[in-house]
């Protein structure tokens, strides 16, 4: 587990793996698949004066397609996403 806490207004997300196979069973080349917009929340920063925390840790969220700042830690990619870039929480 990462020992990071995002600053106020940010969520640390581990993007879920991209789909490489369509629902009809066709395999797609890696460069043809889109970047994921769904991930698991690892940590949540404090509230800001404008935004409350949109989610809790360990939930799956959907976020804006081009939102967030990618970081690579120990060979794995993560995203720091602003609170207002989180679109939905999976139930």
PDB file of N, CA and C in Angstrom:
ATOM      1  N   UNK A   1       0.840  -1.186   0.000  1.00  0.00           N
ATOM      2  CA  UNK A   1       0.000   0.000   0.000  1.00  0.00           C
ATOM      3  C   UNK A   1       0.880   1.242   0.000  1.00  0.00           C
ATOM      4  N   UNK A   2       0.458   2.236  -0.743  1.00  0.00           N
ATOM      5  CA  UNK A   2       1.209   3.483  -0.802  1.00  0.00           C
ATOM      6  C   UNK A   2       1.022   4.268   0.488  1.00  0.00           C
ATOM      7  N   UNK A   3       2.057   4.923   0.889  1.00  0.00           N
ATOM      8  CA  UNK A   3       1.993   5.744   2.087  1.00  0.00           C
ATOM      9  C   UNK A   3       1.930   7.207   1.670  1.00  0.00           C
ATOM     10  N   UNK A   4       0.857   7.556   0.947  1.00  0.00           N
ATOM     11  CA  UNK A   4       0.666   8.915   0.447  1.00  0.00           C
ATOM     12  C   UNK A   4      -0.690   9.435   0.866  1.00  0.00           C
ATOM     13  N   UNK A   5      -0.752  10.730   1.150  1.00  0.00           N
ATOM     14  CA  UNK A   5      -2.037  11.389   1.391  1.00  0.00           C
ATOM     15  C   UNK A   5      -2.096  12.575   0.451  1.00  0.00           C
ATOM     16  N   UNK A   6      -3.087  12.593  -0.437  1.00  0.00           N
ATOM     17  CA  UNK A   6      -3.214  13.730  -1.356  1.00  0.00           C
ATOM     18  C   UNK A   6      -3.465  15.030  -0.600  1.00  0.00           C
ATOM     19  N   UNK A   7      -3.069  16.130  -1.201  1.00  0.00           N
ATOM     20  CA  UNK A   7      -3.359  17.428  -0.618  1.00  0.00           C
ATOM     21  C   UNK A   7      -4.858  17.699  -0.734  1.00  0.00           C
ATOM     22  N   UNK A   8      -5.325  18.735  -0.050  1.00  0.00           N
ATOM     23  CA  UNK A   8      -6.752  19.063  -0.040  1.00  0.00           C
ATOM     24  C   UNK A   8      -7.271  19.230  -1.468  1.00  0.00           C
ATOM     25  N   UNK A   9      -8.414  18.607  -1.736  1.00  0.00           N
ATOM     26  CA  UNK A   9      -9.048  18.742  -3.037  1.00  0.00           C
ATOM     27  C   UNK A   9      -8.671  17.683  -4.051  1.00  0.00           C
ATOM     28  N   UNK A  10      -7.837  16.704  -3.649  1.00  0.00           N
ATOM     29  CA  UNK A  10      -7.397  15.675  -4.581  1.00  0.00           C
ATOM     30  C   UNK A  10      -7.689  14.267  -4.070  1.00  0.00           C
ATOM     31  N   UNK A  11      -7.838  13.344  -5.032  1.00  0.00           N
ATOM     32  CA  UNK A  11      -8.070  11.926  -4.761  1.00  0.00           C
ATOM     33  C   UNK A  11      -6.970  11.149  -5.471  1.00  0.00           C
ATOM     34  N   UNK A  12      -6.371  10.161  -4.804  1.00  0.00           N
ATOM     35  CA  UNK A  12      -5.373   9.286  -5.418  1.00  0.00           C
ATOM     36  C   UNK A  12      -6.091   8.037  -5.911  1.00  0.00           C
ATOM     37  N   UNK A  13      -5.975   7.770  -7.215  1.00  0.00           N
ATOM     38  CA  UNK A  13      -6.699   6.670  -7.852  1.00  0.00           C
ATOM     39  C   UNK A  13      -5.727   5.719  -8.527  1.00  0.00           C
ATOM     40  N   UNK A  14      -6.031   4.422  -8.397  1.00  0.00           N
ATOM     41  CA  UNK A  14      -5.324   3.396  -9.152  1.00  0.00           C
ATOM     42  C   UNK A  14      -6.228   3.018 -10.322  1.00  0.00           C
ATOM     43  N   UNK A  15      -5.878   3.431 -11.558  1.00  0.00           N
ATOM     44  CA  UNK A  15      -6.737   3.106 -12.701  1.00  0.00           C
ATOM     45  C   UNK A  15      -6.884   1.606 -12.872  1.00  0.00           C
ATOM     46  N   UNK A  16      -8.093   1.170 -13.227  1.00  0.00           N
ATOM     47  CA  UNK A  16      -8.330  -0.235 -13.499  1.00  0.00           C
ATOM     48  C   UNK A  16      -7.795  -0.565 -14.884  1.00  0.00           C
ATOM     49  N   UNK A  17      -7.468  -1.819 -15.100  1.00  0.00           N
ATOM     50  CA  UNK A  17      -6.897  -2.248 -16.375  1.00  0.00           C
ATOM     51  C   UNK A  17      -7.837  -1.964 -17.527  1.00  0.00           C
ATOM     52  N   UNK A  18      -7.249  -1.642 -18.674  1.00  0.00           N
ATOM     53  CA  UNK A  18      -8.027  -1.392 -19.876  1.00  0.00           C
ATOM     54  C   UNK A  18      -8.611  -2.697 -20.398  1.00  0.00           C
ATOM     55  N   UNK A  19      -9.787  -2.593 -21.013  1.00  0.00           N
ATOM     56  CA  UNK A  19     -10.385  -3.743 -21.681  1.00  0.00           C
ATOM     57  C   UNK A  19      -9.623  -3.978 -22.980  1.00  0.00           C
ATOM     58  N   UNK A  20      -9.142  -5.187 -23.198  1.00  0.00           N
ATOM     59  CA  UNK A  20      -8.460  -5.495 -24.448  1.00  0.00           C
ATOM     60  C   UNK A  20      -9.285  -6.437 -25.307  1.00  0.00           C
ATOM     61  N   UNK A  21     -10.468  -6.793 -24.830  1.00  0.00           N
ATOM     62  CA  UNK A  21     -11.344  -7.697 -25.563  1.00  0.00           C
ATOM     63  C   UNK A  21     -12.752  -7.103 -25.545  1.00  0.00           C
ATOM     64  N   UNK A  22     -13.379  -7.036 -26.708  1.00  0.00           N
ATOM     65  CA  UNK A  22     -14.730  -6.493 -26.784  1.00  0.00           C
ATOM     66  C   UNK A  22     -15.732  -7.503 -26.242  1.00  0.00           C
ATOM     67  N   UNK A  23     -16.971  -7.054 -26.036  1.00  0.00           N
ATOM     68  CA  UNK A  23     -18.007  -7.953 -25.526  1.00  0.00           C
ATOM     69  C   UNK A  23     -18.298  -9.091 -26.501  1.00  0.00           C
ATOM     70  N   UNK A  24     -18.004  -8.903 -27.785  1.00  0.00           N
ATOM     71  CA  UNK A  24     -18.230  -9.965 -28.770  1.00  0.00           C
ATOM     72  C   UNK A  24     -17.021 -10.881 -28.915  1.00  0.00           C
ATOM     73  N   UNK A  25     -15.959 -10.628 -28.135  1.00  0.00           N
ATOM     74  CA  UNK A  25     -14.806 -11.523 -28.115  1.00  0.00           C
ATOM     75  C   UNK A  25     -13.653 -11.105 -29.003  1.00  0.00           C
ATOM     76  N   UNK A  26     -13.708  -9.934 -29.592  1.00  0.00           N
ATOM     77  CA  UNK A  26     -12.629  -9.468 -30.462  1.00  0.00           C
ATOM     78  C   UNK A  26     -11.540  -8.821 -29.602  1.00  0.00           C
ATOM     79  N   UNK A  27     -10.301  -9.248 -29.803  1.00  0.00           N
ATOM     80  CA  UNK A  27      -9.173  -8.665 -29.073  1.00  0.00           C
ATOM     81  C   UNK A  27      -8.690  -7.412 -29.793  1.00  0.00           C
ATOM     82  N   UNK A  28      -8.449  -6.361 -29.018  1.00  0.00           N
ATOM     83  CA  UNK A  28      -8.003  -5.095 -29.571  1.00  0.00           C
ATOM     84  C   UNK A  28      -6.518  -4.900 -29.303  1.00  0.00           C
ATOM     85  N   UNK A  29      -5.804  -4.307 -30.255  1.00  0.00           N
ATOM     86  CA  UNK A  29      -4.399  -3.978 -29.966  1.00  0.00           C
ATOM     87  C   UNK A  29      -4.346  -2.906 -28.882  1.00  0.00           C
ATOM     88  N   UNK A  30      -3.279  -2.883 -28.106  1.00  0.00           N
ATOM     89  CA  UNK A  30      -3.178  -1.968 -26.969  1.00  0.00           C
ATOM     90  C   UNK A  30      -3.335  -0.507 -27.385  1.00  0.00           C
ATOM     91  N   UNK A  31      -2.809  -0.130 -28.552  1.00  0.00           N
ATOM     92  CA  UNK A  31      -2.893   1.265 -28.975  1.00  0.00           C
ATOM     93  C   UNK A  31      -4.285   1.646 -29.468  1.00  0.00           C
ATOM     94  N   UNK A  32      -5.186   0.679 -29.664  1.00  0.00           N
ATOM     95  CA  UNK A  32      -6.549   0.973 -30.115  1.00  0.00           C
ATOM     96  C   UNK A  32      -7.504   1.187 -28.949  1.00  0.00           C
ATOM     97  N   UNK A  33      -7.130   0.727 -27.780  1.00  0.00           N
ATOM     98  CA  UNK A  33      -8.030   0.877 -26.635  1.00  0.00           C
ATOM     99  C   UNK A  33      -7.835   2.246 -25.995  1.00  0.00           C
ATOM    100  N   UNK A  34      -8.917   2.773 -25.438  1.00  0.00           N
ATOM    101  CA  UNK A  34      -8.863   4.086 -24.806  1.00  0.00           C
ATOM    102  C   UNK A  34      -8.323   3.969 -23.394  1.00  0.00           C
ATOM    103  N   UNK A  35      -7.851   5.099 -22.875  1.00  0.00           N
ATOM    104  CA  UNK A  35      -7.360   5.078 -21.508  1.00  0.00           C
ATOM    105  C   UNK A  35      -8.549   4.902 -20.564  1.00  0.00           C
ATOM    106  N   UNK A  36      -8.345   4.200 -19.454  1.00  0.00           N
ATOM    107  CA  UNK A  36      -9.469   3.934 -18.543  1.00  0.00           C
ATOM    108  C   UNK A  36      -9.999   5.206 -17.899  1.00  0.00           C
ATOM    109  N   UNK A  37     -11.282   5.171 -17.553  1.00  0.00           N
ATOM    110  CA  UNK A  37     -11.911   6.284 -16.844  1.00  0.00           C
ATOM    111  C   UNK A  37     -12.483   5.791 -15.525  1.00  0.00           C
ATOM    112  N   UNK A  38     -12.007   4.654 -15.071  1.00  0.00           N
ATOM    113  CA  UNK A  38     -12.542   4.010 -13.882  1.00  0.00           C
ATOM    114  C   UNK A  38     -11.358   3.537 -13.051  1.00  0.00           C
ATOM    115  N   UNK A  39     -11.453   3.710 -11.719  1.00  0.00           N
ATOM    116  CA  UNK A  39     -10.358   3.276 -10.886  1.00  0.00           C
ATOM    117  C   UNK A  39     -10.752   3.138  -9.427  1.00  0.00           C
ATOM    118  N   UNK A  40      -9.825   2.561  -8.665  1.00  0.00           N
ATOM    119  CA  UNK A  40     -10.032   2.344  -7.236  1.00  0.00           C
ATOM    120  C   UNK A  40      -9.373   3.483  -6.462  1.00  0.00           C
ATOM    121  N   UNK A  41     -10.121   4.054  -5.525  1.00  0.00           N
ATOM    122  CA  UNK A  41      -9.610   5.153  -4.708  1.00  0.00           C
ATOM    123  C   UNK A  41      -8.690   4.594  -3.626  1.00  0.00           C
ATOM    124  N   UNK A  42      -7.472   5.105  -3.592  1.00  0.00           N
ATOM    125  CA  UNK A  42      -6.499   4.665  -2.587  1.00  0.00           C
ATOM    126  C   UNK A  42      -6.419   5.626  -1.415  1.00  0.00           C
ATOM    127  N   UNK A  43      -6.602   6.916  -1.675  1.00  0.00           N
ATOM    128  CA  UNK A  43      -6.528   7.916  -0.606  1.00  0.00           C
ATOM    129  C   UNK A  43      -7.289   9.163  -1.044  1.00  0.00           C
ATOM    130  N   UNK A  44      -7.815   9.896  -0.063  1.00  0.00           N
ATOM    131  CA  UNK A  44      -8.595  11.100  -0.326  1.00  0.00           C
ATOM    132  C   UNK A  44      -8.036  12.242   0.525  1.00  0.00           C
ATOM    133  N   UNK A  45      -7.824  13.382  -0.116  1.00  0.00           N
ATOM    134  CA  UNK A  45      -7.347  14.564   0.592  1.00  0.00           C
ATOM    135  C   UNK A  45      -8.471  15.203   1.408  1.00  0.00           C
ATOM    136  N   UNK A  46      -8.133  16.225   2.156  1.00  0.00           N
ATOM    137  CA  UNK A  46      -9.112  16.933   2.980  1.00  0.00           C
ATOM    138  C   UNK A  46     -10.059  17.758   2.116  1.00  0.00           C
ATOM    139  N   UNK A  47     -11.216  18.123   2.702  1.00  0.00           N
ATOM    140  CA  UNK A  47     -12.166  19.002   2.037  1.00  0.00           C
ATOM    141  C   UNK A  47     -11.506  20.352   1.763  1.00  0.00           C
ATOM    142  N   UNK A  48     -12.038  21.048   0.750  1.00  0.00           N
ATOM    143  CA  UNK A  48     -11.619  22.425   0.502  1.00  0.00           C
ATOM    144  C   UNK A  48     -12.802  23.315   0.842  1.00  0.00           C
ATOM    145  N   UNK A  49     -12.616  24.617   0.764  1.00  0.00           N
ATOM    146  CA  UNK A  49     -13.741  25.500   1.077  1.00  0.00           C
ATOM    147  C   UNK A  49     -14.831  25.404   0.014  1.00  0.00           C
ATOM    148  N   UNK A  50     -14.486  24.958  -1.197  1.00  0.00           N
ATOM    149  CA  UNK A  50     -15.461  24.853  -2.286  1.00  0.00           C
ATOM    150  C   UNK A  50     -16.026  23.454  -2.485  1.00  0.00           C
ATOM    151  N   UNK A  51     -15.277  22.405  -2.101  1.00  0.00           N
ATOM    152  CA  UNK A  51     -15.698  21.030  -2.379  1.00  0.00           C
ATOM    153  C   UNK A  51     -15.543  20.133  -1.167  1.00  0.00           C
ATOM    154  N   UNK A  52     -16.538  19.288  -0.970  1.00  0.00           N
ATOM    155  CA  UNK A  52     -16.469  18.228   0.047  1.00  0.00           C
ATOM    156  C   UNK A  52     -15.881  16.983  -0.625  1.00  0.00           C
ATOM    157  N   UNK A  53     -15.374  16.051   0.168  1.00  0.00           N
ATOM    158  CA  UNK A  53     -14.847  14.801  -0.369  1.00  0.00           C
ATOM    159  C   UNK A  53     -15.946  14.101  -1.169  1.00  0.00           C
ATOM    160  N   UNK A  54     -15.673  13.733  -2.429  1.00  0.00           N
ATOM    161  CA  UNK A  54     -16.702  13.093  -3.247  1.00  0.00           C
ATOM    162  C   UNK A  54     -16.842  11.592  -2.996  1.00  0.00           C
ATOM    163  N   UNK A  55     -15.882  11.009  -2.262  1.00  0.00           N
ATOM    164  CA  UNK A  55     -15.897   9.557  -2.074  1.00  0.00           C
ATOM    165  C   UNK A  55     -15.010   9.186  -0.888  1.00  0.00           C
ATOM    166  N   UNK A  56     -15.016   7.900  -0.586  1.00  0.00           N
ATOM    167  CA  UNK A  56     -14.154   7.363   0.465  1.00  0.00           C
ATOM    168  C   UNK A  56     -13.102   6.472  -0.178  1.00  0.00           C
ATOM    169  N   UNK A  57     -12.161   6.033   0.620  1.00  0.00           N
ATOM    170  CA  UNK A  57     -11.140   5.099   0.146  1.00  0.00           C
ATOM    171  C   UNK A  57     -11.777   3.740  -0.167  1.00  0.00           C
ATOM    172  N   UNK A  58     -11.132   3.007  -1.062  1.00  0.00           N
ATOM    173  CA  UNK A  58     -11.488   1.636  -1.440  1.00  0.00           C
ATOM    174  C   UNK A  58     -12.771   1.517  -2.256  1.00  0.00           C
ATOM    175  N   UNK A  59     -13.290   2.611  -2.792  1.00  0.00           N
ATOM    176  CA  UNK A  59     -14.452   2.529  -3.674  1.00  0.00           C
ATOM    177  C   UNK A  59     -13.981   2.681  -5.118  1.00  0.00           C
ATOM    178  N   UNK A  60     -14.834   2.273  -6.057  1.00  0.00           N
ATOM    179  CA  UNK A  60     -14.547   2.423  -7.472  1.00  0.00           C
ATOM    180  C   UNK A  60     -15.241   3.699  -7.954  1.00  0.00           C
ATOM    181  N   UNK A  61     -14.502   4.537  -8.665  1.00  0.00           N
ATOM    182  CA  UNK A  61     -15.061   5.792  -9.175  1.00  0.00           C
ATOM    183  C   UNK A  61     -14.830   5.895 -10.682  1.00  0.00           C
ATOM    184  N   UNK A  62     -15.660   6.718 -11.293  1.00  0.00           N
ATOM    185  CA  UNK A  62     -15.481   7.105 -12.687  1.00  0.00           C
ATOM    186  C   UNK A  62     -15.010   8.554 -12.671  1.00  0.00           C
ATOM    187  N   UNK A  63     -14.068   8.877 -13.539  1.00  0.00           N
ATOM    188  CA  UNK A  63     -13.519  10.228 -13.549  1.00  0.00           C
ATOM    189  C   UNK A  63     -13.431  10.728 -14.991  1.00  0.00           C
ATOM    190  N   UNK A  64     -13.230  12.039 -15.137  1.00  0.00           N
ATOM    191  CA  UNK A  64     -13.168  12.658 -16.459  1.00  0.00           C
ATOM    192  C   UNK A  64     -12.071  12.011 -17.296  1.00  0.00           C
ATOM    193  N   UNK A  65     -12.361  11.881 -18.573  1.00  0.00           N
ATOM    194  CA  UNK A  65     -11.452  11.195 -19.490  1.00  0.00           C
ATOM    195  C   UNK A  65     -10.041  11.776 -19.478  1.00  0.00           C
ATOM    196  N   UNK A  66      -9.922  13.076 -19.532  1.00  0.00           N
ATOM    197  CA  UNK A  66      -8.598  13.688 -19.569  1.00  0.00           C
ATOM    198  C   UNK A  66      -8.261  14.383 -18.255  1.00  0.00           C
ATOM    199  N   UNK A  67      -8.961  14.024 -17.194  1.00  0.00           N
ATOM    200  CA  UNK A  67      -8.704  14.617 -15.889  1.00  0.00           C
ATOM    201  C   UNK A  67      -7.543  13.932 -15.191  1.00  0.00           C
ATOM    202  N   UNK A  68      -6.991  14.588 -14.218  1.00  0.00           N
ATOM    203  CA  UNK A  68      -5.977  13.986 -13.369  1.00  0.00           C
ATOM    204  C   UNK A  68      -4.550  14.181 -13.852  1.00  0.00           C
ATOM    205  N   UNK A  69      -3.649  13.952 -12.939  1.00  0.00           N
ATOM    206  CA  UNK A  69      -2.212  14.022 -13.206  1.00  0.00           C
ATOM    207  C   UNK A  69      -1.620  12.648 -12.968  1.00  0.00           C
ATOM    208  N   UNK A  70      -1.043  12.073 -14.017  1.00  0.00           N
ATOM    209  CA  UNK A  70      -0.462  10.741 -13.907  1.00  0.00           C
ATOM    210  C   UNK A  70       0.887  10.802 -13.208  1.00  0.00           C
ATOM    211  N   UNK A  71       1.106   9.843 -12.317  1.00  0.00           N
ATOM    212  CA  UNK A  71       2.407   9.694 -11.669  1.00  0.00           C
ATOM    213  C   UNK A  71       2.770   8.221 -11.695  1.00  0.00           C
ATOM    214  N   UNK A  72       4.058   7.947 -11.776  1.00  0.00           N
ATOM    215  CA  UNK A  72       4.527   6.567 -11.772  1.00  0.00           C
ATOM    216  C   UNK A  72       5.325   6.354 -10.491  1.00  0.00           C
ATOM    217  N   UNK A  73       4.882   5.401  -9.680  1.00  0.00           N
ATOM    218  CA  UNK A  73       5.542   5.108  -8.416  1.00  0.00           C
ATOM    219  C   UNK A  73       5.866   3.623  -8.392  1.00  0.00           C
ATOM    220  N   UNK A  74       7.135   3.310  -8.235  1.00  0.00           N
ATOM    221  CA  UNK A  74       7.604   1.923  -8.207  1.00  0.00           C
ATOM    222  C   UNK A  74       7.098   1.148  -9.417  1.00  0.00           C
ATOM    223  N   UNK A  75       7.142   1.778 -10.591  1.00  0.00           N
ATOM    224  CA  UNK A  75       6.766   1.110 -11.831  1.00  0.00           C
ATOM    225  C   UNK A  75       5.284   1.004 -12.110  1.00  0.00           C
ATOM    226  N   UNK A  76       4.444   1.537 -11.239  1.00  0.00           N
ATOM    227  CA  UNK A  76       2.998   1.449 -11.417  1.00  0.00           C
ATOM    228  C   UNK A  76       2.419   2.852 -11.574  1.00  0.00           C
ATOM    229  N   UNK A  77       1.417   2.986 -12.471  1.00  0.00           N
ATOM    230  CA  UNK A  77       0.830   4.295 -12.727  1.00  0.00           C
ATOM    231  C   UNK A  77      -0.371   4.565 -11.822  1.00  0.00           C
ATOM    232  N   UNK A  78      -0.428   5.799 -11.324  1.00  0.00           N
ATOM    233  CA  UNK A  78      -1.521   6.265 -10.484  1.00  0.00           C
ATOM    234  C   UNK A  78      -1.972   7.628 -10.998  1.00  0.00           C
ATOM    235  N   UNK A  79      -3.117   8.086 -10.507  1.00  0.00           N
ATOM    236  CA  UNK A  79      -3.636   9.391 -10.886  1.00  0.00           C
ATOM    237  C   UNK A  79      -3.982  10.207  -9.652  1.00  0.00           C
ATOM    238  N   UNK A  80      -3.634  11.479  -9.681  1.00  0.00           N
ATOM    239  CA  UNK A  80      -4.137  12.426  -8.705  1.00  0.00           C
ATOM    240  C   UNK A  80      -5.222  13.210  -9.427  1.00  0.00           C
ATOM    241  N   UNK A  81      -6.463  13.068  -8.968  1.00  0.00           N
ATOM    242  CA  UNK A  81      -7.619  13.668  -9.634  1.00  0.00           C
ATOM    243  C   UNK A  81      -8.248  14.689  -8.696  1.00  0.00           C
ATOM    244  N   UNK A  82      -8.628  15.851  -9.245  1.00  0.00           N
ATOM    245  CA  UNK A  82      -9.322  16.859  -8.449  1.00  0.00           C
ATOM    246  C   UNK A  82     -10.711  16.346  -8.072  1.00  0.00           C
ATOM    247  N   UNK A  83     -11.209  16.805  -6.933  1.00  0.00           N
ATOM    248  CA  UNK A  83     -12.545  16.399  -6.487  1.00  0.00           C
ATOM    249  C   UNK A  83     -13.592  16.597  -7.581  1.00  0.00           C
ATOM    250  N   UNK A  84     -13.530  17.735  -8.280  1.00  0.00           N
ATOM    251  CA  UNK A  84     -14.564  18.014  -9.279  1.00  0.00           C
ATOM    252  C   UNK A  84     -14.374  17.232 -10.577  1.00  0.00           C
ATOM    253  N   UNK A  85     -13.306  16.435 -10.693  1.00  0.00           N
ATOM    254  CA  UNK A  85     -13.121  15.549 -11.846  1.00  0.00           C
ATOM    255  C   UNK A  85     -13.702  14.160 -11.599  1.00  0.00           C
ATOM    256  N   UNK A  86     -14.119  13.873 -10.369  1.00  0.00           N
ATOM    257  CA  UNK A  86     -14.777  12.602 -10.055  1.00  0.00           C
ATOM    258  C   UNK A  86     -16.233  12.730 -10.488  1.00  0.00           C
ATOM    259  N   UNK A  87     -16.643  11.853 -11.416  1.00  0.00           N
ATOM    260  CA  UNK A  87     -17.984  11.931 -11.982  1.00  0.00           C
ATOM    261  C   UNK A  87     -19.013  11.093 -11.246  1.00  0.00           C
ATOM    262  N   UNK A  88     -18.617   9.898 -10.782  1.00  0.00           N
ATOM    263  CA  UNK A  88     -19.576   9.008 -10.131  1.00  0.00           C
ATOM    264  C   UNK A  88     -18.840   7.995  -9.254  1.00  0.00           C
ATOM    265  N   UNK A  89     -19.579   7.490  -8.258  1.00  0.00           N
ATOM    266  CA  UNK A  89     -19.069   6.435  -7.376  1.00  0.00           C
ATOM    267  C   UNK A  89     -19.887   5.192  -7.653  1.00  0.00           C
ATOM    268  N   UNK A  90     -19.205   4.060  -7.885  1.00  0.00           N
ATOM    269  CA  UNK A  90     -19.891   2.802  -8.161  1.00  0.00           C
ATOM    270  C   UNK A  90     -20.459   2.222  -6.880  1.00  0.00           C
ATOM    271  N   UNK A  91     -21.705   1.762  -6.938  1.00  0.00           N
ATOM    272  CA  UNK A  91     -22.335   1.163  -5.757  1.00  0.00           C
ATOM    273  C   UNK A  91     -22.420  -0.324  -5.866  1.00  0.00           C
TER     274      UNK A  91
END
